Each structure stands twice: as structure tokens, then as C-alpha cells.
């Protein structure tokens, strides 16, 4: 994992490569979803749902 990414996501610093990036992205999305839910920000929640649907579609392909 790059230095800047390790600073932003220290819990993922031990991992390397694509797995670390994907794990950090999942973690960031989960944090954004929690914050948007707390703030009732439907625009952010809709965008996160769209991203999740795209990810699910890509994993099925």
C-alpha cells in the first residue's frame, strides 16, 4: 500500500496491492454510508447504492 493510503487507512496498511485498495475502498464507502445515513443525505445514499449495484454487476461478470 502506498504511503498516503496507509496514512488514510492505517488498518489496511499491512496488506498490499489490489486487495488493500479494494478493502480500503469498501471501508471508505461504509464510512460514507454511515455519515450520509446519520445526516439523511439521500443524494449521497443514492450514489452509494448506484456504486454498490455496479460492483455487484461487475463481480457477476
PDB file of N, CA and C in Angstrom:
ATOM      1  N   UNK A   1       0.853  -1.169   0.000  1.00  0.00           N
ATOM      2  CA  UNK A   1       0.000   0.000   0.000  1.00  0.00           C
ATOM      3  C   UNK A   1       0.899   1.232   0.000  1.00  0.00           C
ATOM      4  N   UNK A   2       0.487   2.247  -0.746  1.00  0.00           N
ATOM      5  CA  UNK A   2       1.287   3.467  -0.816  1.00  0.00           C
ATOM      6  C   UNK A   2       1.268   4.199   0.519  1.00  0.00           C
ATOM      7  N   UNK A   3       2.239   5.080   0.726  1.00  0.00           N
ATOM      8  CA  UNK A   3       2.336   5.803   1.991  1.00  0.00           C
ATOM      9  C   UNK A   3       1.101   6.633   2.283  1.00  0.00           C
ATOM     10  N   UNK A   4       0.577   7.360   1.263  1.00  0.00           N
ATOM     11  CA  UNK A   4      -0.590   8.201   1.518  1.00  0.00           C
ATOM     12  C   UNK A   4      -1.802   7.362   1.864  1.00  0.00           C
ATOM     13  N   UNK A   5      -1.963   6.225   1.213  1.00  0.00           N
ATOM     14  CA  UNK A   5      -3.098   5.358   1.507  1.00  0.00           C
ATOM     15  C   UNK A   5      -2.956   4.738   2.896  1.00  0.00           C
ATOM     16  N   UNK A   6      -1.735   4.391   3.272  1.00  0.00           N
ATOM     17  CA  UNK A   6      -1.500   3.834   4.607  1.00  0.00           C
ATOM     18  C   UNK A   6      -1.819   4.855   5.687  1.00  0.00           C
ATOM     19  N   UNK A   7      -1.566   6.116   5.414  1.00  0.00           N
ATOM     20  CA  UNK A   7      -1.895   7.165   6.383  1.00  0.00           C
ATOM     21  C   UNK A   7      -3.403   7.340   6.502  1.00  0.00           C
ATOM     22  N   UNK A   8      -4.123   7.266   5.381  1.00  0.00           N
ATOM     23  CA  UNK A   8      -5.574   7.434   5.408  1.00  0.00           C
ATOM     24  C   UNK A   8      -6.285   6.215   5.993  1.00  0.00           C
ATOM     25  N   UNK A   9      -5.751   5.029   5.706  1.00  0.00           N
ATOM     26  CA  UNK A   9      -6.384   3.789   6.136  1.00  0.00           C
ATOM     27  C   UNK A   9      -5.362   2.904   6.855  1.00  0.00           C
ATOM     28  N   UNK A  10      -4.921   3.294   8.049  1.00  0.00           N
ATOM     29  CA  UNK A  10      -3.871   2.535   8.730  1.00  0.00           C
ATOM     30  C   UNK A  10      -4.254   1.083   9.016  1.00  0.00           C
ATOM     31  N   UNK A  11      -5.540   0.809   9.165  1.00  0.00           N
ATOM     32  CA  UNK A  11      -5.963  -0.564   9.442  1.00  0.00           C
ATOM     33  C   UNK A  11      -5.723  -1.497   8.254  1.00  0.00           C
ATOM     34  N   UNK A  12      -5.470  -0.927   7.067  1.00  0.00           N
ATOM     35  CA  UNK A  12      -5.224  -1.739   5.879  1.00  0.00           C
ATOM     36  C   UNK A  12      -3.751  -1.709   5.454  1.00  0.00           C
ATOM     37  N   UNK A  13      -2.909  -1.065   6.210  1.00  0.00           N
ATOM     38  CA  UNK A  13      -1.514  -0.844   5.809  1.00  0.00           C
ATOM     39  C   UNK A  13      -0.723  -2.146   5.675  1.00  0.00           C
ATOM     40  N   UNK A  14      -1.105  -3.172   6.387  1.00  0.00           N
ATOM     41  CA  UNK A  14      -0.358  -4.429   6.315  1.00  0.00           C
ATOM     42  C   UNK A  14      -0.603  -5.166   5.005  1.00  0.00           C
ATOM     43  N   UNK A  15      -1.684  -4.869   4.344  1.00  0.00           N
ATOM     44  CA  UNK A  15      -1.997  -5.515   3.069  1.00  0.00           C
ATOM     45  C   UNK A  15      -1.298  -4.767   1.944  1.00  0.00           C
ATOM     46  N   UNK A  16      -1.170  -5.411   0.832  1.00  0.00           N
ATOM     47  CA  UNK A  16      -0.523  -4.743  -0.293  1.00  0.00           C
ATOM     48  C   UNK A  16      -1.302  -5.021  -1.569  1.00  0.00           C
ATOM     49  N   UNK A  17      -1.047  -4.220  -2.564  1.00  0.00           N
ATOM     50  CA  UNK A  17      -1.622  -4.434  -3.883  1.00  0.00           C
ATOM     51  C   UNK A  17      -3.104  -4.148  -3.972  1.00  0.00           C
ATOM     52  N   UNK A  18      -3.726  -4.795  -4.943  1.00  0.00           N
ATOM     53  CA  UNK A  18      -5.136  -4.547  -5.249  1.00  0.00           C
ATOM     54  C   UNK A  18      -6.052  -4.900  -4.086  1.00  0.00           C
ATOM     55  N   UNK A  19      -5.728  -5.947  -3.342  1.00  0.00           N
ATOM     56  CA  UNK A  19      -6.576  -6.337  -2.220  1.00  0.00           C
ATOM     57  C   UNK A  19      -6.661  -5.222  -1.184  1.00  0.00           C
ATOM     58  N   UNK A  20      -5.556  -4.566  -0.930  1.00  0.00           N
ATOM     59  CA  UNK A  20      -5.551  -3.470   0.041  1.00  0.00           C
ATOM     60  C   UNK A  20      -6.365  -2.288  -0.462  1.00  0.00           C
ATOM     61  N   UNK A  21      -6.250  -1.984  -1.740  1.00  0.00           N
ATOM     62  CA  UNK A  21      -7.004  -0.867  -2.317  1.00  0.00           C
ATOM     63  C   UNK A  21      -8.496  -1.156  -2.256  1.00  0.00           C
ATOM     64  N   UNK A  22      -8.893  -2.362  -2.640  1.00  0.00           N
ATOM     65  CA  UNK A  22     -10.305  -2.720  -2.604  1.00  0.00           C
ATOM     66  C   UNK A  22     -10.855  -2.721  -1.186  1.00  0.00           C
ATOM     67  N   UNK A  23     -10.079  -3.229  -0.245  1.00  0.00           N
ATOM     68  CA  UNK A  23     -10.510  -3.256   1.152  1.00  0.00           C
ATOM     69  C   UNK A  23     -10.652  -1.834   1.695  1.00  0.00           C
ATOM     70  N   UNK A  24      -9.715  -0.960   1.369  1.00  0.00           N
ATOM     71  CA  UNK A  24      -9.779   0.430   1.810  1.00  0.00           C
ATOM     72  C   UNK A  24     -10.975   1.143   1.187  1.00  0.00           C
ATOM     73  N   UNK A  25     -11.254   0.867  -0.081  1.00  0.00           N
ATOM     74  CA  UNK A  25     -12.408   1.482  -0.751  1.00  0.00           C
ATOM     75  C   UNK A  25     -13.714   1.023  -0.108  1.00  0.00           C
ATOM     76  N   UNK A  26     -13.816  -0.256   0.206  1.00  0.00           N
ATOM     77  CA  UNK A  26     -15.007  -0.767   0.888  1.00  0.00           C
ATOM     78  C   UNK A  26     -15.188  -0.094   2.241  1.00  0.00           C
ATOM     79  N   UNK A  27     -14.088   0.056   2.952  1.00  0.00           N
ATOM     80  CA  UNK A  27     -14.132   0.707   4.268  1.00  0.00           C
ATOM     81  C   UNK A  27     -14.587   2.163   4.123  1.00  0.00           C
ATOM     82  N   UNK A  28     -14.039   2.864   3.146  1.00  0.00           N
ATOM     83  CA  UNK A  28     -14.401   4.272   2.929  1.00  0.00           C
ATOM     84  C   UNK A  28     -15.875   4.406   2.566  1.00  0.00           C
ATOM     85  N   UNK A  29     -16.368   3.515   1.702  1.00  0.00           N
ATOM     86  CA  UNK A  29     -17.789   3.559   1.340  1.00  0.00           C
ATOM     87  C   UNK A  29     -18.676   3.308   2.546  1.00  0.00           C
ATOM     88  N   UNK A  30     -18.276   2.372   3.403  1.00  0.00           N
ATOM     89  CA  UNK A  30     -19.059   2.090   4.604  1.00  0.00           C
ATOM     90  C   UNK A  30     -19.100   3.316   5.521  1.00  0.00           C
ATOM     91  N   UNK A  31     -17.976   3.997   5.654  1.00  0.00           N
ATOM     92  CA  UNK A  31     -17.931   5.212   6.474  1.00  0.00           C
ATOM     93  C   UNK A  31     -18.810   6.306   5.866  1.00  0.00           C
ATOM     94  N   UNK A  32     -18.756   6.463   4.542  1.00  0.00           N
ATOM     95  CA  UNK A  32     -19.599   7.462   3.873  1.00  0.00           C
ATOM     96  C   UNK A  32     -21.076   7.130   4.052  1.00  0.00           C
ATOM     97  N   UNK A  33     -21.414   5.846   3.963  1.00  0.00           N
ATOM     98  CA  UNK A  33     -22.811   5.434   4.130  1.00  0.00           C
ATOM     99  C   UNK A  33     -23.294   5.741   5.550  1.00  0.00           C
ATOM    100  N   UNK A  34     -22.458   5.478   6.565  1.00  0.00           N
ATOM    101  CA  UNK A  34     -22.842   5.779   7.945  1.00  0.00           C
ATOM    102  C   UNK A  34     -23.083   7.279   8.134  1.00  0.00           C
ATOM    103  N   UNK A  35     -22.169   8.085   7.597  1.00  0.00           N
ATOM    104  CA  UNK A  35     -22.302   9.537   7.736  1.00  0.00           C
ATOM    105  C   UNK A  35     -23.531  10.047   6.984  1.00  0.00           C
ATOM    106  N   UNK A  36     -23.749   9.563   5.780  1.00  0.00           N
ATOM    107  CA  UNK A  36     -24.901  10.011   4.993  1.00  0.00           C
ATOM    108  C   UNK A  36     -26.211   9.590   5.636  1.00  0.00           C
ATOM    109  N   UNK A  37     -26.229   8.397   6.227  1.00  0.00           N
ATOM    110  CA  UNK A  37     -27.429   7.935   6.918  1.00  0.00           C
ATOM    111  C   UNK A  37     -27.715   8.819   8.121  1.00  0.00           C
ATOM    112  N   UNK A  38     -26.684   9.138   8.877  1.00  0.00           N
ATOM    113  CA  UNK A  38     -26.854   9.992  10.058  1.00  0.00           C
ATOM    114  C   UNK A  38     -27.359  11.382   9.669  1.00  0.00           C
ATOM    115  N   UNK A  39     -26.889  11.877   8.537  1.00  0.00           N
ATOM    116  CA  UNK A  39     -27.282  13.212   8.074  1.00  0.00           C
ATOM    117  C   UNK A  39     -28.507  13.177   7.160  1.00  0.00           C
ATOM    118  N   UNK A  40     -29.006  11.984   6.893  1.00  0.00           N
ATOM    119  CA  UNK A  40     -30.150  11.791   5.993  1.00  0.00           C
ATOM    120  C   UNK A  40     -29.919  12.438   4.636  1.00  0.00           C
ATOM    121  N   UNK A  41     -28.715  12.232   4.125  1.00  0.00           N
ATOM    122  CA  UNK A  41     -28.320  12.778   2.826  1.00  0.00           C
ATOM    123  C   UNK A  41     -28.686  11.770   1.744  1.00  0.00           C
ATOM    124  N   UNK A  42     -29.871  11.915   1.192  1.00  0.00           N
ATOM    125  CA  UNK A  42     -30.367  10.929   0.222  1.00  0.00           C
ATOM    126  C   UNK A  42     -29.576  10.952  -1.075  1.00  0.00           C
ATOM    127  N   UNK A  43     -29.026  12.081  -1.445  1.00  0.00           N
ATOM    128  CA  UNK A  43     -28.245  12.152  -2.686  1.00  0.00           C
ATOM    129  C   UNK A  43     -26.993  11.272  -2.583  1.00  0.00           C
ATOM    130  N   UNK A  44     -26.304  11.354  -1.456  1.00  0.00           N
ATOM    131  CA  UNK A  44     -25.103  10.521  -1.246  1.00  0.00           C
ATOM    132  C   UNK A  44     -25.498   9.055  -1.145  1.00  0.00           C
ATOM    133  N   UNK A  45     -26.572   8.765  -0.425  1.00  0.00           N
ATOM    134  CA  UNK A  45     -27.011   7.378  -0.298  1.00  0.00           C
ATOM    135  C   UNK A  45     -27.398   6.791  -1.657  1.00  0.00           C
ATOM    136  N   UNK A  46     -28.067   7.568  -2.485  1.00  0.00           N
ATOM    137  CA  UNK A  46     -28.424   7.096  -3.832  1.00  0.00           C
ATOM    138  C   UNK A  46     -27.169   6.799  -4.652  1.00  0.00           C
ATOM    139  N   UNK A  47     -26.179   7.657  -4.554  1.00  0.00           N
ATOM    140  CA  UNK A  47     -24.933   7.446  -5.299  1.00  0.00           C
ATOM    141  C   UNK A  47     -24.204   6.195  -4.788  1.00  0.00           C
ATOM    142  N   UNK A  48     -24.178   5.997  -3.487  1.00  0.00           N
ATOM    143  CA  UNK A  48     -23.538   4.800  -2.928  1.00  0.00           C
ATOM    144  C   UNK A  48     -24.281   3.539  -3.366  1.00  0.00           C
ATOM    145  N   UNK A  49     -25.602   3.597  -3.419  1.00  0.00           N
ATOM    146  CA  UNK A  49     -26.377   2.455  -3.915  1.00  0.00           C
ATOM    147  C   UNK A  49     -26.032   2.156  -5.365  1.00  0.00           C
ATOM    148  N   UNK A  50     -25.866   3.213  -6.182  1.00  0.00           N
ATOM    149  CA  UNK A  50     -25.512   3.036  -7.583  1.00  0.00           C
ATOM    150  C   UNK A  50     -24.137   2.370  -7.713  1.00  0.00           C
ATOM    151  N   UNK A  51     -23.187   2.810  -6.886  1.00  0.00           N
ATOM    152  CA  UNK A  51     -21.843   2.228  -6.903  1.00  0.00           C
ATOM    153  C   UNK A  51     -21.885   0.769  -6.475  1.00  0.00           C
ATOM    154  N   UNK A  52     -22.638   0.478  -5.419  1.00  0.00           N
ATOM    155  CA  UNK A  52     -22.755  -0.907  -4.953  1.00  0.00           C
ATOM    156  C   UNK A  52     -23.383  -1.805  -6.019  1.00  0.00           C
ATOM    157  N   UNK A  53     -24.410  -1.308  -6.710  1.00  0.00           N
ATOM    158  CA  UNK A  53     -25.050  -2.094  -7.773  1.00  0.00           C
ATOM    159  C   UNK A  53     -24.065  -2.365  -8.897  1.00  0.00           C
ATOM    160  N   UNK A  54     -23.274  -1.370  -9.254  1.00  0.00           N
ATOM    161  CA  UNK A  54     -22.260  -1.552 -10.297  1.00  0.00           C
ATOM    162  C   UNK A  54     -21.244  -2.607  -9.863  1.00  0.00           C
ATOM    163  N   UNK A  55     -20.777  -2.531  -8.611  1.00  0.00           N
ATOM    164  CA  UNK A  55     -19.809  -3.518  -8.107  1.00  0.00           C
ATOM    165  C   UNK A  55     -20.384  -4.925  -8.149  1.00  0.00           C
ATOM    166  N   UNK A  56     -21.639  -5.068  -7.770  1.00  0.00           N
ATOM    167  CA  UNK A  56     -22.270  -6.388  -7.793  1.00  0.00           C
ATOM    168  C   UNK A  56     -22.376  -6.914  -9.217  1.00  0.00           C
ATOM    169  N   UNK A  57     -22.711  -6.037 -10.146  1.00  0.00           N
ATOM    170  CA  UNK A  57     -22.806  -6.428 -11.554  1.00  0.00           C
ATOM    171  C   UNK A  57     -21.446  -6.870 -12.076  1.00  0.00           C
ATOM    172  N   UNK A  58     -20.393  -6.156 -11.707  1.00  0.00           N
ATOM    173  CA  UNK A  58     -19.040  -6.489 -12.166  1.00  0.00           C
ATOM    174  C   UNK A  58     -18.562  -7.814 -11.588  1.00  0.00           C
ATOM    175  N   UNK A  59     -18.914  -8.119 -10.347  1.00  0.00           N
ATOM    176  CA  UNK A  59     -18.467  -9.375  -9.752  1.00  0.00           C
ATOM    177  C   UNK A  59     -19.198 -10.572 -10.349  1.00  0.00           C
ATOM    178  N   UNK A  60     -20.397 -10.349 -10.879  1.00  0.00           N
ATOM    179  CA  UNK A  60     -21.139 -11.431 -11.538  1.00  0.00           C
ATOM    180  C   UNK A  60     -20.610 -11.712 -12.931  1.00  0.00           C
ATOM    181  N   UNK A  61     -19.985 -10.721 -13.543  1.00  0.00           N
ATOM    182  CA  UNK A  61     -19.494 -10.883 -14.925  1.00  0.00           C
ATOM    183  C   UNK A  61     -18.273 -11.750 -15.011  1.00  0.00           C
TER     184      UNK A  61
END
